[in-house]
Amino acid sequence: MAMKYRAGYCDVCAENQKLERKSGNHVLHLILSIITLGWWVIIWILVAVSSEPWTCSKCGTKKVTVLR
């Protein structure tokens, strides 16, 4: 699993913080999709949809707002 980072506002810290979440390895899923002639895409979609929520890197809470 790879980590993704984004700027956001933490409700607990009451300030802008760096947010983080674990993300699937998309290169691996692409290779497996090619090897299985597209059948792995179903698994890839399920993994992408069920990704973890953003968390504050300072306090670890999930009560955050992602800034765009």
Protein backbone atom coordinates (compact mmCIF):
# COMPACT_ATOMS: atom_id res chain seq x y z
CA MET A 1 0.00 0.00 0.00
CA ALA A 2 1.17 3.47 -0.86
CA MET A 3 0.46 6.59 1.16
CA LYS A 4 -1.28 9.60 -0.37
CA TYR A 5 -1.03 13.07 1.12
CA ARG A 6 -3.24 16.13 0.78
CA ALA A 7 -3.82 19.42 2.57
CA GLY A 8 -6.89 19.69 4.76
CA TYR A 9 -8.48 21.10 7.89
CA CYS A 10 -8.49 19.03 11.08
CA ASP A 11 -11.49 19.61 13.38
CA VAL A 12 -9.59 18.33 16.43
CA CYS A 13 -6.38 20.36 15.89
CA ALA A 14 -8.50 23.32 14.65
CA GLU A 15 -5.96 24.18 11.95
CA ASN A 16 -4.81 23.17 8.49
CA GLN A 17 -2.80 19.96 8.55
CA LYS A 18 -1.30 17.43 6.17
CA LEU A 19 -3.81 14.60 5.67
CA GLU A 20 -2.86 11.05 4.73
CA ARG A 21 -4.46 7.77 3.69
CA LYS A 22 -3.38 4.42 2.35
CA SER A 23 -3.96 3.78 -1.32
CA GLY A 24 -3.73 0.65 -3.46
CA ASN A 25 -0.87 0.04 -5.86
CA HIS A 26 -2.43 0.97 -9.21
CA VAL A 27 0.54 -0.24 -11.28
CA LEU A 28 0.20 -3.72 -9.78
CA HIS A 29 -3.54 -3.75 -10.50
CA LEU A 30 -2.93 -2.63 -14.09
CA ILE A 31 -0.42 -5.44 -14.65
CA LEU A 32 -2.78 -8.01 -13.13
CA SER A 33 -5.62 -6.68 -15.31
CA ILE A 34 -3.51 -7.16 -18.43
CA ILE A 35 -2.40 -10.67 -17.40
CA THR A 36 -5.97 -11.78 -16.62
CA LEU A 37 -7.37 -10.19 -19.79
CA GLY A 38 -9.39 -7.61 -17.86
CA TRP A 39 -10.94 -9.83 -15.18
CA TRP A 40 -8.84 -8.23 -12.43
CA VAL A 41 -10.54 -4.86 -13.11
CA ILE A 42 -13.45 -6.03 -10.92
CA ILE A 43 -11.11 -6.48 -7.94
CA TRP A 44 -9.34 -3.20 -8.76
CA ILE A 45 -12.64 -1.28 -8.64
CA LEU A 46 -13.59 -2.87 -5.31
CA VAL A 47 -10.21 -1.93 -3.81
CA ALA A 48 -10.43 1.64 -5.14
CA VAL A 49 -13.96 2.16 -3.78
CA SER A 50 -13.15 0.80 -0.34
CA SER A 51 -10.11 3.01 0.26
CA GLU A 52 -9.49 4.30 3.76
CA PRO A 53 -10.70 7.77 4.83
CA TRP A 54 -8.35 10.74 5.15
CA THR A 55 -6.73 11.13 8.58
CA CYS A 56 -4.82 13.96 10.22
CA SER A 57 -1.09 13.23 10.19
CA LYS A 58 -0.64 15.09 13.50
CA CYS A 59 -3.38 13.66 15.76
CA GLY A 60 -4.74 10.75 13.68
CA THR A 61 -8.42 11.74 13.74
CA LYS A 62 -10.73 11.09 10.82
CA LYS A 63 -12.69 14.32 11.53
CA VAL A 64 -11.10 16.27 8.68
CA THR A 65 -12.12 18.32 5.67
CA VAL A 66 -10.07 17.88 2.50
CA LEU A 67 -9.06 21.17 0.84
CA ARG A 68 -9.22 21.21 -2.93
